[in-house]
PDB file of N, CA and C in Angstrom:
ATOM      1  N   UNK A   1      -5.342 -19.503  -7.672  1.00  0.00           N
ATOM      2  CA  UNK A   1      -5.686 -18.096  -7.740  1.00  0.00           C
ATOM      3  C   UNK A   1      -5.979 -17.539  -6.345  1.00  0.00           C
ATOM      4  N   UNK A   2      -6.771 -18.261  -5.564  1.00  0.00           N
ATOM      5  CA  UNK A   2      -7.071 -17.816  -4.203  1.00  0.00           C
ATOM      6  C   UNK A   2      -5.811 -17.819  -3.348  1.00  0.00           C
ATOM      7  N   UNK A   3      -4.959 -18.798  -3.600  1.00  0.00           N
ATOM      8  CA  UNK A   3      -3.704 -18.883  -2.865  1.00  0.00           C
ATOM      9  C   UNK A   3      -2.836 -17.654  -3.136  1.00  0.00           C
ATOM     10  N   UNK A   4      -2.779 -17.219  -4.391  1.00  0.00           N
ATOM     11  CA  UNK A   4      -2.017 -16.031  -4.758  1.00  0.00           C
ATOM     12  C   UNK A   4      -2.585 -14.773  -4.126  1.00  0.00           C
ATOM     13  N   UNK A   5      -3.900 -14.684  -4.071  1.00  0.00           N
ATOM     14  CA  UNK A   5      -4.551 -13.535  -3.449  1.00  0.00           C
ATOM     15  C   UNK A   5      -4.237 -13.468  -1.958  1.00  0.00           C
ATOM     16  N   UNK A   6      -4.273 -14.617  -1.315  1.00  0.00           N
ATOM     17  CA  UNK A   6      -3.960 -14.673   0.118  1.00  0.00           C
ATOM     18  C   UNK A   6      -2.493 -14.324   0.358  1.00  0.00           C
ATOM     19  N   UNK A   7      -1.613 -14.812  -0.509  1.00  0.00           N
ATOM     20  CA  UNK A   7      -0.189 -14.486  -0.377  1.00  0.00           C
ATOM     21  C   UNK A   7       0.052 -12.993  -0.542  1.00  0.00           C
ATOM     22  N   UNK A   8      -0.586 -12.383  -1.534  1.00  0.00           N
ATOM     23  CA  UNK A   8      -0.439 -10.935  -1.734  1.00  0.00           C
ATOM     24  C   UNK A   8      -0.965 -10.164  -0.531  1.00  0.00           C
ATOM     25  N   UNK A   9      -2.094 -10.619   0.010  1.00  0.00           N
ATOM     26  CA  UNK A   9      -2.659  -9.969   1.190  1.00  0.00           C
ATOM     27  C   UNK A   9      -1.692 -10.051   2.363  1.00  0.00           C
ATOM     28  N   UNK A  10      -1.100 -11.221   2.564  1.00  0.00           N
ATOM     29  CA  UNK A  10      -0.160 -11.391   3.672  1.00  0.00           C
ATOM     30  C   UNK A  10       1.088 -10.535   3.490  1.00  0.00           C
ATOM     31  N   UNK A  11       1.546 -10.380   2.264  1.00  0.00           N
ATOM     32  CA  UNK A  11       2.682  -9.494   2.028  1.00  0.00           C
ATOM     33  C   UNK A  11       2.284  -8.037   2.234  1.00  0.00           C
ATOM     34  N   UNK A  12       1.035  -7.691   1.949  1.00  0.00           N
ATOM     35  CA  UNK A  12       0.543  -6.347   2.257  1.00  0.00           C
ATOM     36  C   UNK A  12       0.512  -6.101   3.756  1.00  0.00           C
ATOM     37  N   UNK A  13       0.049  -7.089   4.505  1.00  0.00           N
ATOM     38  CA  UNK A  13       0.051  -6.988   5.969  1.00  0.00           C
ATOM     39  C   UNK A  13       1.483  -6.839   6.479  1.00  0.00           C
ATOM     40  N   UNK A  14       2.386  -7.641   5.928  1.00  0.00           N
ATOM     41  CA  UNK A  14       3.791  -7.561   6.344  1.00  0.00           C
ATOM     42  C   UNK A  14       4.376  -6.189   6.016  1.00  0.00           C
ATOM     43  N   UNK A  15       4.027  -5.651   4.858  1.00  0.00           N
ATOM     44  CA  UNK A  15       4.511  -4.328   4.479  1.00  0.00           C
ATOM     45  C   UNK A  15       4.012  -3.246   5.413  1.00  0.00           C
ATOM     46  N   UNK A  16       2.750  -3.309   5.784  1.00  0.00           N
ATOM     47  CA  UNK A  16       2.203  -2.326   6.722  1.00  0.00           C
ATOM     48  C   UNK A  16       2.835  -2.494   8.102  1.00  0.00           C
ATOM     49  N   UNK A  17       3.054  -3.737   8.512  1.00  0.00           N
ATOM     50  CA  UNK A  17       3.687  -3.990   9.811  1.00  0.00           C
ATOM     51  C   UNK A  17       5.105  -3.432   9.836  1.00  0.00           C
ATOM     52  N   UNK A  18       5.868  -3.693   8.782  1.00  0.00           N
ATOM     53  CA  UNK A  18       7.242  -3.176   8.705  1.00  0.00           C
ATOM     54  C   UNK A  18       7.218  -1.650   8.668  1.00  0.00           C
ATOM     55  N   UNK A  19       6.315  -1.083   7.883  1.00  0.00           N
ATOM     56  CA  UNK A  19       6.226   0.378   7.798  1.00  0.00           C
ATOM     57  C   UNK A  19       5.906   0.981   9.161  1.00  0.00           C
ATOM     58  N   UNK A  20       5.037   0.340   9.927  1.00  0.00           N
ATOM     59  CA  UNK A  20       4.681   0.858  11.252  1.00  0.00           C
ATOM     60  C   UNK A  20       5.869   0.805  12.209  1.00  0.00           C
ATOM     61  N   UNK A  21       6.766  -0.140  11.997  1.00  0.00           N
ATOM     62  CA  UNK A  21       7.924  -0.255  12.880  1.00  0.00           C
ATOM     63  C   UNK A  21       9.133   0.539  12.402  1.00  0.00           C
ATOM     64  N   UNK A  22       9.164   0.897  11.135  1.00  0.00           N
ATOM     65  CA  UNK A  22      10.322   1.598  10.580  1.00  0.00           C
ATOM     66  C   UNK A  22      10.065   3.090  10.407  1.00  0.00           C
ATOM     67  N   UNK A  23       8.867   3.448   9.973  1.00  0.00           N
ATOM     68  CA  UNK A  23       8.555   4.851   9.677  1.00  0.00           C
ATOM     69  C   UNK A  23       7.954   5.511  10.915  1.00  0.00           C
ATOM     70  N   UNK A  24       8.570   6.575  11.399  1.00  0.00           N
ATOM     71  CA  UNK A  24       8.022   7.266  12.575  1.00  0.00           C
ATOM     72  C   UNK A  24       6.638   7.849  12.272  1.00  0.00           C
ATOM     73  N   UNK A  25       5.709   7.589  13.163  1.00  0.00           N
ATOM     74  CA  UNK A  25       4.371   8.152  13.028  1.00  0.00           C
ATOM     75  C   UNK A  25       3.320   7.168  12.563  1.00  0.00           C
ATOM     76  N   UNK A  26       3.688   6.199  11.759  1.00  0.00           N
ATOM     77  CA  UNK A  26       2.716   5.203  11.310  1.00  0.00           C
ATOM     78  C   UNK A  26       2.475   4.236  12.461  1.00  0.00           C
ATOM     79  N   UNK A  27       1.205   4.054  12.798  1.00  0.00           N
ATOM     80  CA  UNK A  27       0.874   3.208  13.939  1.00  0.00           C
ATOM     81  C   UNK A  27      -0.444   2.479  13.691  1.00  0.00           C
ATOM     82  N   UNK A  28      -0.598   1.362  14.362  1.00  0.00           N
ATOM     83  CA  UNK A  28      -1.845   0.614  14.340  1.00  0.00           C
ATOM     84  C   UNK A  28      -2.184   0.203  15.764  1.00  0.00           C
ATOM     85  N   UNK A  29      -3.469   0.021  16.011  1.00  0.00           N
ATOM     86  CA  UNK A  29      -3.921  -0.268  17.374  1.00  0.00           C
ATOM     87  C   UNK A  29      -3.660  -1.722  17.765  1.00  0.00           C
ATOM     88  N   UNK A  30      -4.041  -2.654  16.903  1.00  0.00           N
ATOM     89  CA  UNK A  30      -3.878  -4.077  17.203  1.00  0.00           C
ATOM     90  C   UNK A  30      -3.800  -4.855  15.889  1.00  0.00           C
ATOM     91  N   UNK A  31      -3.684  -6.161  15.987  1.00  0.00           N
ATOM     92  CA  UNK A  31      -3.563  -6.990  14.793  1.00  0.00           C
ATOM     93  C   UNK A  31      -4.798  -6.874  13.906  1.00  0.00           C
ATOM     94  N   UNK A  32      -5.967  -6.767  14.510  1.00  0.00           N
ATOM     95  CA  UNK A  32      -7.198  -6.628  13.733  1.00  0.00           C
ATOM     96  C   UNK A  32      -7.207  -5.367  12.886  1.00  0.00           C
ATOM     97  N   UNK A  33      -6.730  -4.268  13.466  1.00  0.00           N
ATOM     98  CA  UNK A  33      -6.700  -3.027  12.691  1.00  0.00           C
ATOM     99  C   UNK A  33      -5.642  -3.090  11.596  1.00  0.00           C
ATOM    100  N   UNK A  34      -4.555  -3.820  11.833  1.00  0.00           N
ATOM    101  CA  UNK A  34      -3.541  -4.000  10.801  1.00  0.00           C
ATOM    102  C   UNK A  34      -4.091  -4.828   9.643  1.00  0.00           C
ATOM    103  N   UNK A  35      -4.796  -5.900   9.957  1.00  0.00           N
ATOM    104  CA  UNK A  35      -5.417  -6.726   8.914  1.00  0.00           C
ATOM    105  C   UNK A  35      -6.480  -5.938   8.150  1.00  0.00           C
ATOM    106  N   UNK A  36      -7.267  -5.147   8.873  1.00  0.00           N
ATOM    107  CA  UNK A  36      -8.287  -4.325   8.221  1.00  0.00           C
ATOM    108  C   UNK A  36      -7.651  -3.269   7.323  1.00  0.00           C
ATOM    109  N   UNK A  37      -6.555  -2.679   7.783  1.00  0.00           N
ATOM    110  CA  UNK A  37      -5.856  -1.677   6.981  1.00  0.00           C
ATOM    111  C   UNK A  37      -5.332  -2.287   5.686  1.00  0.00           C
ATOM    112  N   UNK A  38      -4.799  -3.504   5.770  1.00  0.00           N
ATOM    113  CA  UNK A  38      -4.313  -4.180   4.563  1.00  0.00           C
ATOM    114  C   UNK A  38      -5.463  -4.482   3.605  1.00  0.00           C
ATOM    115  N   UNK A  39      -6.601  -4.885   4.155  1.00  0.00           N
ATOM    116  CA  UNK A  39      -7.761  -5.175   3.309  1.00  0.00           C
ATOM    117  C   UNK A  39      -8.284  -3.901   2.645  1.00  0.00           C
ATOM    118  N   UNK A  40      -8.404  -2.825   3.413  1.00  0.00           N
ATOM    119  CA  UNK A  40      -8.884  -1.556   2.853  1.00  0.00           C
ATOM    120  C   UNK A  40      -7.904  -1.026   1.814  1.00  0.00           C
ATOM    121  N   UNK A  41      -6.616  -1.122   2.092  1.00  0.00           N
ATOM    122  CA  UNK A  41      -5.611  -0.679   1.128  1.00  0.00           C
ATOM    123  C   UNK A  41      -5.705  -1.501  -0.156  1.00  0.00           C
ATOM    124  N   UNK A  42      -5.938  -2.789  -0.034  1.00  0.00           N
ATOM    125  CA  UNK A  42      -6.108  -3.637  -1.216  1.00  0.00           C
ATOM    126  C   UNK A  42      -7.299  -3.234  -2.047  1.00  0.00           C
ATOM    127  N   UNK A  43      -8.422  -2.915  -1.397  1.00  0.00           N
ATOM    128  CA  UNK A  43      -9.621  -2.484  -2.120  1.00  0.00           C
ATOM    129  C   UNK A  43      -9.383  -1.130  -2.784  1.00  0.00           C
ATOM    130  N   UNK A  44      -8.757  -0.203  -2.059  1.00  0.00           N
ATOM    131  CA  UNK A  44      -8.470   1.114  -2.636  1.00  0.00           C
ATOM    132  C   UNK A  44      -7.537   0.978  -3.832  1.00  0.00           C
ATOM    133  N   UNK A  45      -6.518   0.127  -3.704  1.00  0.00           N
ATOM    134  CA  UNK A  45      -5.585  -0.074  -4.812  1.00  0.00           C
ATOM    135  C   UNK A  45      -6.247  -0.751  -6.008  1.00  0.00           C
ATOM    136  N   UNK A  46      -7.246  -1.585  -5.757  1.00  0.00           N
ATOM    137  CA  UNK A  46      -7.934  -2.261  -6.854  1.00  0.00           C
ATOM    138  C   UNK A  46      -8.957  -1.363  -7.539  1.00  0.00           C
ATOM    139  N   UNK A  47      -9.592  -0.469  -6.782  1.00  0.00           N
ATOM    140  CA  UNK A  47     -10.681   0.337  -7.333  1.00  0.00           C
ATOM    141  C   UNK A  47     -10.231   1.744  -7.706  1.00  0.00           C
ATOM    142  N   UNK A  48      -9.634   2.455  -6.775  1.00  0.00           N
ATOM    143  CA  UNK A  48      -9.339   3.876  -6.976  1.00  0.00           C
ATOM    144  C   UNK A  48      -8.005   4.133  -7.669  1.00  0.00           C
ATOM    145  N   UNK A  49      -6.999   3.341  -7.361  1.00  0.00           N
ATOM    146  CA  UNK A  49      -5.663   3.595  -7.902  1.00  0.00           C
ATOM    147  C   UNK A  49      -5.614   3.579  -9.430  1.00  0.00           C
ATOM    148  N   UNK A  50      -6.269   2.637 -10.117  1.00  0.00           N
ATOM    149  CA  UNK A  50      -6.228   2.693 -11.585  1.00  0.00           C
ATOM    150  C   UNK A  50      -6.830   3.987 -12.153  1.00  0.00           C
ATOM    151  N   UNK A  51      -7.862   4.482 -11.509  1.00  0.00           N
ATOM    152  CA  UNK A  51      -8.475   5.738 -11.948  1.00  0.00           C
ATOM    153  C   UNK A  51      -7.502   6.892 -11.747  1.00  0.00           C
ATOM    154  N   UNK A  52      -6.845   6.925 -10.600  1.00  0.00           N
ATOM    155  CA  UNK A  52      -5.866   7.975 -10.325  1.00  0.00           C
ATOM    156  C   UNK A  52      -4.682   7.911 -11.290  1.00  0.00           C
ATOM    157  N   UNK A  53      -4.253   6.703 -11.611  1.00  0.00           N
ATOM    158  CA  UNK A  53      -3.130   6.543 -12.538  1.00  0.00           C
ATOM    159  C   UNK A  53      -3.502   7.088 -13.920  1.00  0.00           C
ATOM    160  N   UNK A  54      -4.695   6.807 -14.379  1.00  0.00           N
ATOM    161  CA  UNK A  54      -5.135   7.305 -15.684  1.00  0.00           C
ATOM    162  C   UNK A  54      -5.282   8.820 -15.666  1.00  0.00           C
ATOM    163  N   UNK A  55      -5.881   9.358 -14.601  1.00  0.00           N
ATOM    164  CA  UNK A  55      -6.088  10.806 -14.527  1.00  0.00           C
ATOM    165  C   UNK A  55      -4.781  11.584 -14.431  1.00  0.00           C
ATOM    166  N   UNK A  56      -3.775  10.995 -13.838  1.00  0.00           N
ATOM    167  CA  UNK A  56      -2.495  11.694 -13.651  1.00  0.00           C
ATOM    168  C   UNK A  56      -1.428  11.199 -14.627  1.00  0.00           C
ATOM    169  N   UNK A  57      -1.830  10.543 -15.694  1.00  0.00           N
ATOM    170  CA  UNK A  57      -0.877   9.991 -16.642  1.00  0.00           C
ATOM    171  C   UNK A  57       0.096  11.025 -17.215  1.00  0.00           C
ATOM    172  N   UNK A  58      -0.364  12.224 -17.616  1.00  0.00           N
ATOM    173  CA  UNK A  58       0.621  13.197 -18.122  1.00  0.00           C
ATOM    174  C   UNK A  58       1.683  13.563 -17.079  1.00  0.00           C
ATOM    175  N   UNK A  59       1.257  13.762 -15.838  1.00  0.00           N
ATOM    176  CA  UNK A  59       2.200  14.089 -14.771  1.00  0.00           C
ATOM    177  C   UNK A  59       3.140  12.916 -14.481  1.00  0.00           C
ATOM    178  N   UNK A  60       2.612  11.721 -14.559  1.00  0.00           N
ATOM    179  CA  UNK A  60       3.431  10.534 -14.354  1.00  0.00           C
ATOM    180  C   UNK A  60       4.471  10.399 -15.463  1.00  0.00           C
ATOM    181  N   UNK A  61       4.077  10.677 -16.693  1.00  0.00           N
ATOM    182  CA  UNK A  61       5.033  10.603 -17.800  1.00  0.00           C
ATOM    183  C   UNK A  61       6.109  11.679 -17.690  1.00  0.00           C
ATOM    184  N   UNK A  62       5.724  12.880 -17.288  1.00  0.00           N
ATOM    185  CA  UNK A  62       6.690  13.975 -17.141  1.00  0.00           C
ATOM    186  C   UNK A  62       7.717  13.659 -16.057  1.00  0.00           C
ATOM    187  N   UNK A  63       7.271  13.020 -14.988  1.00  0.00           N
ATOM    188  CA  UNK A  63       8.178  12.695 -13.870  1.00  0.00           C
ATOM    189  C   UNK A  63       8.799  11.309 -14.012  1.00  0.00           C
ATOM    190  N   UNK A  64       8.667  10.709 -15.189  1.00  0.00           N
ATOM    191  CA  UNK A  64       9.229   9.378 -15.462  1.00  0.00           C
ATOM    192  C   UNK A  64       8.733   8.333 -14.468  1.00  0.00           C
ATOM    193  N   UNK A  65       7.480   8.427 -14.081  1.00  0.00           N
ATOM    194  CA  UNK A  65       6.862   7.434 -13.213  1.00  0.00           C
ATOM    195  C   UNK A  65       6.977   7.702 -11.726  1.00  0.00           C
ATOM    196  N   UNK A  66       7.743   8.716 -11.350  1.00  0.00           N
ATOM    197  CA  UNK A  66       7.915   8.979  -9.921  1.00  0.00           C
ATOM    198  C   UNK A  66       6.629   9.458  -9.249  1.00  0.00           C
ATOM    199  N   UNK A  67       5.710  10.035 -10.028  1.00  0.00           N
ATOM    200  CA  UNK A  67       4.455  10.488  -9.429  1.00  0.00           C
ATOM    201  C   UNK A  67       3.613   9.314  -8.921  1.00  0.00           C
ATOM    202  N   UNK A  68       3.890   8.128  -9.403  1.00  0.00           N
ATOM    203  CA  UNK A  68       3.183   6.949  -8.887  1.00  0.00           C
ATOM    204  C   UNK A  68       3.450   6.757  -7.396  1.00  0.00           C
ATOM    205  N   UNK A  69       4.623   7.184  -6.936  1.00  0.00           N
ATOM    206  CA  UNK A  69       4.913   7.118  -5.503  1.00  0.00           C
ATOM    207  C   UNK A  69       4.000   8.055  -4.707  1.00  0.00           C
ATOM    208  N   UNK A  70       3.681   9.190  -5.295  1.00  0.00           N
ATOM    209  CA  UNK A  70       2.749  10.129  -4.650  1.00  0.00           C
ATOM    210  C   UNK A  70       1.352   9.509  -4.602  1.00  0.00           C
ATOM    211  N   UNK A  71       0.954   8.838  -5.660  1.00  0.00           N
ATOM    212  CA  UNK A  71      -0.351   8.165  -5.672  1.00  0.00           C
ATOM    213  C   UNK A  71      -0.384   7.077  -4.609  1.00  0.00           C
ATOM    214  N   UNK A  72       0.698   6.314  -4.488  1.00  0.00           N
ATOM    215  CA  UNK A  72       0.764   5.281  -3.448  1.00  0.00           C
ATOM    216  C   UNK A  72       0.669   5.889  -2.051  1.00  0.00           C
ATOM    217  N   UNK A  73       1.339   7.022  -1.845  1.00  0.00           N
ATOM    218  CA  UNK A  73       1.265   7.702  -0.548  1.00  0.00           C
ATOM    219  C   UNK A  73      -0.164   8.176  -0.278  1.00  0.00           C
ATOM    220  N   UNK A  74      -0.828   8.694  -1.298  1.00  0.00           N
ATOM    221  CA  UNK A  74      -2.208   9.155  -1.147  1.00  0.00           C
ATOM    222  C   UNK A  74      -3.133   7.997  -0.777  1.00  0.00           C
ATOM    223  N   UNK A  75      -2.972   6.856  -1.429  1.00  0.00           N
ATOM    224  CA  UNK A  75      -3.839   5.718  -1.117  1.00  0.00           C
ATOM    225  C   UNK A  75      -3.588   5.204   0.303  1.00  0.00           C
ATOM    226  N   UNK A  76      -2.318   5.223   0.735  1.00  0.00           N
ATOM    227  CA  UNK A  76      -2.023   4.805   2.114  1.00  0.00           C
ATOM    228  C   UNK A  76      -2.639   5.774   3.118  1.00  0.00           C
ATOM    229  N   UNK A  77      -2.536   7.055   2.846  1.00  0.00           N
ATOM    230  CA  UNK A  77      -3.139   8.063   3.730  1.00  0.00           C
ATOM    231  C   UNK A  77      -4.658   7.944   3.730  1.00  0.00           C
ATOM    232  N   UNK A  78      -5.225   7.563   2.591  1.00  0.00           N
ATOM    233  CA  UNK A  78      -6.676   7.420   2.470  1.00  0.00           C
ATOM    234  C   UNK A  78      -7.220   6.313   3.370  1.00  0.00           C
ATOM    235  N   UNK A  79      -6.403   5.321   3.650  1.00  0.00           N
ATOM    236  CA  UNK A  79      -6.823   4.225   4.531  1.00  0.00           C
ATOM    237  C   UNK A  79      -7.204   4.770   5.903  1.00  0.00           C
ATOM    238  N   UNK A  80      -6.497   5.815   6.357  1.00  0.00           N
ATOM    239  CA  UNK A  80      -6.765   6.359   7.691  1.00  0.00           C
ATOM    240  C   UNK A  80      -8.136   7.010   7.786  1.00  0.00           C
ATOM    241  N   UNK A  81      -8.720   7.394   6.651  1.00  0.00           N
ATOM    242  CA  UNK A  81     -10.070   7.962   6.682  1.00  0.00           C
ATOM    243  C   UNK A  81     -11.125   6.906   6.971  1.00  0.00           C
ATOM    244  N   UNK A  82     -10.824   5.662   6.621  1.00  0.00           N
ATOM    245  CA  UNK A  82     -11.793   4.583   6.802  1.00  0.00           C
ATOM    246  C   UNK A  82     -11.594   3.804   8.091  1.00  0.00           C
ATOM    247  N   UNK A  83     -10.389   3.861   8.648  1.00  0.00           N
ATOM    248  CA  UNK A  83     -10.084   3.093   9.860  1.00  0.00           C
ATOM    249  C   UNK A  83      -9.559   4.005  10.954  1.00  0.00           C
ATOM    250  N   UNK A  84     -10.072   3.845  12.151  1.00  0.00           N
ATOM    251  CA  UNK A  84      -9.595   4.635  13.282  1.00  0.00           C
ATOM    252  C   UNK A  84      -8.449   3.952  14.015  1.00  0.00           C
ATOM    253  N   UNK A  85      -8.218   2.675  13.737  1.00  0.00           N
ATOM    254  CA  UNK A  85      -7.145   1.952  14.400  1.00  0.00           C
ATOM    255  C   UNK A  85      -5.828   1.990  13.657  1.00  0.00           C
ATOM    256  N   UNK A  86      -5.782   2.707  12.540  1.00  0.00           N
ATOM    257  CA  UNK A  86      -4.565   2.821  11.740  1.00  0.00           C
ATOM    258  C   UNK A  86      -4.295   4.300  11.522  1.00  0.00           C
ATOM    259  N   UNK A  87      -3.053   4.729  11.777  1.00  0.00           N
ATOM    260  CA  UNK A  87      -2.754   6.161  11.744  1.00  0.00           C
ATOM    261  C   UNK A  87      -1.503   6.448  10.916  1.00  0.00           C
ATOM    262  N   UNK A  88      -1.647   7.393   9.989  1.00  0.00           N
ATOM    263  CA  UNK A  88      -0.520   7.924   9.217  1.00  0.00           C
ATOM    264  C   UNK A  88      -0.610   9.440   9.355  1.00  0.00           C
ATOM    265  N   UNK A  89       0.376  10.078  10.018  1.00  0.00           N
ATOM    266  CA  UNK A  89       0.226  11.476  10.401  1.00  0.00           C
ATOM    267  C   UNK A  89       0.316  12.514   9.282  1.00  0.00           C
ATOM    268  N   UNK A  90       0.952  12.223   8.179  1.00  0.00           N
ATOM    269  CA  UNK A  90       1.095  13.249   7.149  1.00  0.00           C
ATOM    270  C   UNK A  90       1.613  12.672   5.850  1.00  0.00           C
ATOM    271  N   UNK A  91       1.972  13.582   4.928  1.00  0.00           N
ATOM    272  CA  UNK A  91       2.393  13.139   3.606  1.00  0.00           C
ATOM    273  C   UNK A  91       3.721  12.379   3.636  1.00  0.00           C
ATOM    274  N   UNK A  92       4.731  12.912   4.314  1.00  0.00           N
ATOM    275  CA  UNK A  92       6.048  12.270   4.274  1.00  0.00           C
ATOM    276  C   UNK A  92       6.061  10.898   4.944  1.00  0.00           C
ATOM    277  N   UNK A  93       5.409  10.728   6.086  1.00  0.00           N
ATOM    278  CA  UNK A  93       5.309   9.351   6.602  1.00  0.00           C
ATOM    279  C   UNK A  93       4.527   8.435   5.660  1.00  0.00           C
ATOM    280  N   UNK A  94       3.487   8.974   5.018  1.00  0.00           N
ATOM    281  CA  UNK A  94       2.730   8.174   4.051  1.00  0.00           C
ATOM    282  C   UNK A  94       3.606   7.809   2.858  1.00  0.00           C
ATOM    283  N   UNK A  95       4.443   8.745   2.423  1.00  0.00           N
ATOM    284  CA  UNK A  95       5.350   8.502   1.297  1.00  0.00           C
ATOM    285  C   UNK A  95       6.351   7.404   1.643  1.00  0.00           C
ATOM    286  N   UNK A  96       6.975   7.512   2.815  1.00  0.00           N
ATOM    287  CA  UNK A  96       7.942   6.499   3.239  1.00  0.00           C
ATOM    288  C   UNK A  96       7.257   5.152   3.462  1.00  0.00           C
ATOM    289  N   UNK A  97       6.078   5.179   4.074  1.00  0.00           N
ATOM    290  CA  UNK A  97       5.335   3.945   4.294  1.00  0.00           C
ATOM    291  C   UNK A  97       4.914   3.292   2.990  1.00  0.00           C
ATOM    292  N   UNK A  98       4.528   4.115   2.017  1.00  0.00           N
ATOM    293  CA  UNK A  98       4.143   3.581   0.713  1.00  0.00           C
ATOM    294  C   UNK A  98       5.324   2.918   0.022  1.00  0.00           C
ATOM    295  N   UNK A  99       6.521   3.472   0.215  1.00  0.00           N
ATOM    296  CA  UNK A  99       7.717   2.833  -0.349  1.00  0.00           C
ATOM    297  C   UNK A  99       7.926   1.447   0.255  1.00  0.00           C
ATOM    298  N   UNK A 100       7.799   1.357   1.559  1.00  0.00           N
ATOM    299  CA  UNK A 100       7.990   0.069   2.251  1.00  0.00           C
ATOM    300  C   UNK A 100       6.932  -0.934   1.803  1.00  0.00           C
ATOM    301  N   UNK A 101       5.673  -0.501   1.787  1.00  0.00           N
ATOM    302  CA  UNK A 101       4.580  -1.396   1.386  1.00  0.00           C
ATOM    303  C   UNK A 101       4.746  -1.813  -0.070  1.00  0.00           C
ATOM    304  N   UNK A 102       5.175  -0.902  -0.928  1.00  0.00           N
ATOM    305  CA  UNK A 102       5.369  -1.219  -2.346  1.00  0.00           C
ATOM    306  C   UNK A 102       6.458  -2.258  -2.549  1.00  0.00           C
ATOM    307  N   UNK A 103       7.550  -2.132  -1.800  1.00  0.00           N
ATOM    308  CA  UNK A 103       8.631  -3.115  -1.922  1.00  0.00           C
ATOM    309  C   UNK A 103       8.145  -4.489  -1.466  1.00  0.00           C
ATOM    310  N   UNK A 104       7.424  -4.539  -0.360  1.00  0.00           N
ATOM    311  CA  UNK A 104       6.888  -5.816   0.124  1.00  0.00           C
ATOM    312  C   UNK A 104       5.883  -6.407  -0.868  1.00  0.00           C
ATOM    313  N   UNK A 105       5.034  -5.563  -1.432  1.00  0.00           N
ATOM    314  CA  UNK A 105       4.065  -6.037  -2.418  1.00  0.00           C
ATOM    315  C   UNK A 105       4.767  -6.537  -3.678  1.00  0.00           C
ATOM    316  N   UNK A 106       5.849  -5.867  -4.061  1.00  0.00           N
ATOM    317  CA  UNK A 106       6.610  -6.282  -5.234  1.00  0.00           C
ATOM    318  C   UNK A 106       7.227  -7.663  -5.000  1.00  0.00           C
ATOM    319  N   UNK A 107       7.774  -7.872  -3.807  1.00  0.00           N
ATOM    320  CA  UNK A 107       8.346  -9.175  -3.472  1.00  0.00           C
ATOM    321  C   UNK A 107       7.255 -10.242  -3.479  1.00  0.00           C
ATOM    322  N   UNK A 108       6.103  -9.926  -2.896  1.00  0.00           N
ATOM    323  CA  UNK A 108       4.989 -10.867  -2.889  1.00  0.00           C
ATOM    324  C   UNK A 108       4.508 -11.194  -4.284  1.00  0.00           C
ATOM    325  N   UNK A 109       4.409 -10.197  -5.144  1.00  0.00           N
ATOM    326  CA  UNK A 109       3.982 -10.406  -6.523  1.00  0.00           C
ATOM    327  C   UNK A 109       4.981 -11.300  -7.257  1.00  0.00           C
ATOM    328  N   UNK A 110       6.267 -11.059  -7.035  1.00  0.00           N
ATOM    329  CA  UNK A 110       7.299 -11.878  -7.681  1.00  0.00           C
ATOM    330  C   UNK A 110       7.202 -13.333  -7.234  1.00  0.00           C
ATOM    331  N   UNK A 111       6.934 -13.554  -5.960  1.00  0.00           N
ATOM    332  CA  UNK A 111       6.814 -14.922  -5.468  1.00  0.00           C
ATOM    333  C   UNK A 111       5.567 -15.609  -6.018  1.00  0.00           C
ATOM    334  N   UNK A 112       4.465 -14.874  -6.125  1.00  0.00           N
ATOM    335  CA  UNK A 112       3.230 -15.447  -6.674  1.00  0.00           C
ATOM    336  C   UNK A 112       3.435 -15.801  -8.147  1.00  0.00           C
ATOM    337  N   UNK A 113       4.081 -14.910  -8.894  1.00  0.00           N
ATOM    338  CA  UNK A 113       4.338 -15.186 -10.316  1.00  0.00           C
ATOM    339  C   UNK A 113       5.286 -16.363 -10.485  1.00  0.00           C
ATOM    340  N   UNK A 114       6.262 -16.493  -9.600  1.00  0.00           N
ATOM    341  CA  UNK A 114       7.206 -17.593  -9.678  1.00  0.00           C
ATOM    342  C   UNK A 114       6.509 -18.916  -9.424  1.00  0.00           C
ATOM    343  N   UNK A 115       5.553 -18.931  -8.490  1.00  0.00           N
ATOM    344  CA  UNK A 115       4.825 -20.159  -8.179  1.00  0.00           C
ATOM    345  C   UNK A 115       3.913 -20.573  -9.333  1.00  0.00           C
ATOM    346  N   UNK A 116       3.417 -19.606 -10.111  1.00  0.00           N
ATOM    347  CA  UNK A 116       2.542 -19.932 -11.253  1.00  0.00           C
ATOM    348  C   UNK A 116       3.298 -20.655 -12.347  1.00  0.00           C
ATOM    349  N   UNK A 117       4.593 -20.398 -12.469  1.00  0.00           N
ATOM    350  CA  UNK A 117       5.371 -20.999 -13.554  1.00  0.00           C
ATOM    351  C   UNK A 117       5.695 -22.389 -13.218  1.00  0.00           C
TER     352      UNK A 117
END
């Protein structure tokens, strides 16, 4: 279980690193701020994201789930409020960065589930 958590965290770090190198505007100061950003994003996704998903369920159903991408962008942008070493300049960079981080997290989740079997 701890191994899976660490693997997911590392894939989150990798997703943020890739997003910072691919999406214009997303930046981090150093490795420590990147690791902190991944940790804060993990906590926000564990605590706040389920509440947001429930509150926006009608909108998510109307958009066939696409509004979840907006929620992911919001949570990524929210990380910048807690950390000064991680920067996301606006909604569209946050949206693109959230796509990159989501794909990396999905790959990490698939690998963790595969190892459990």
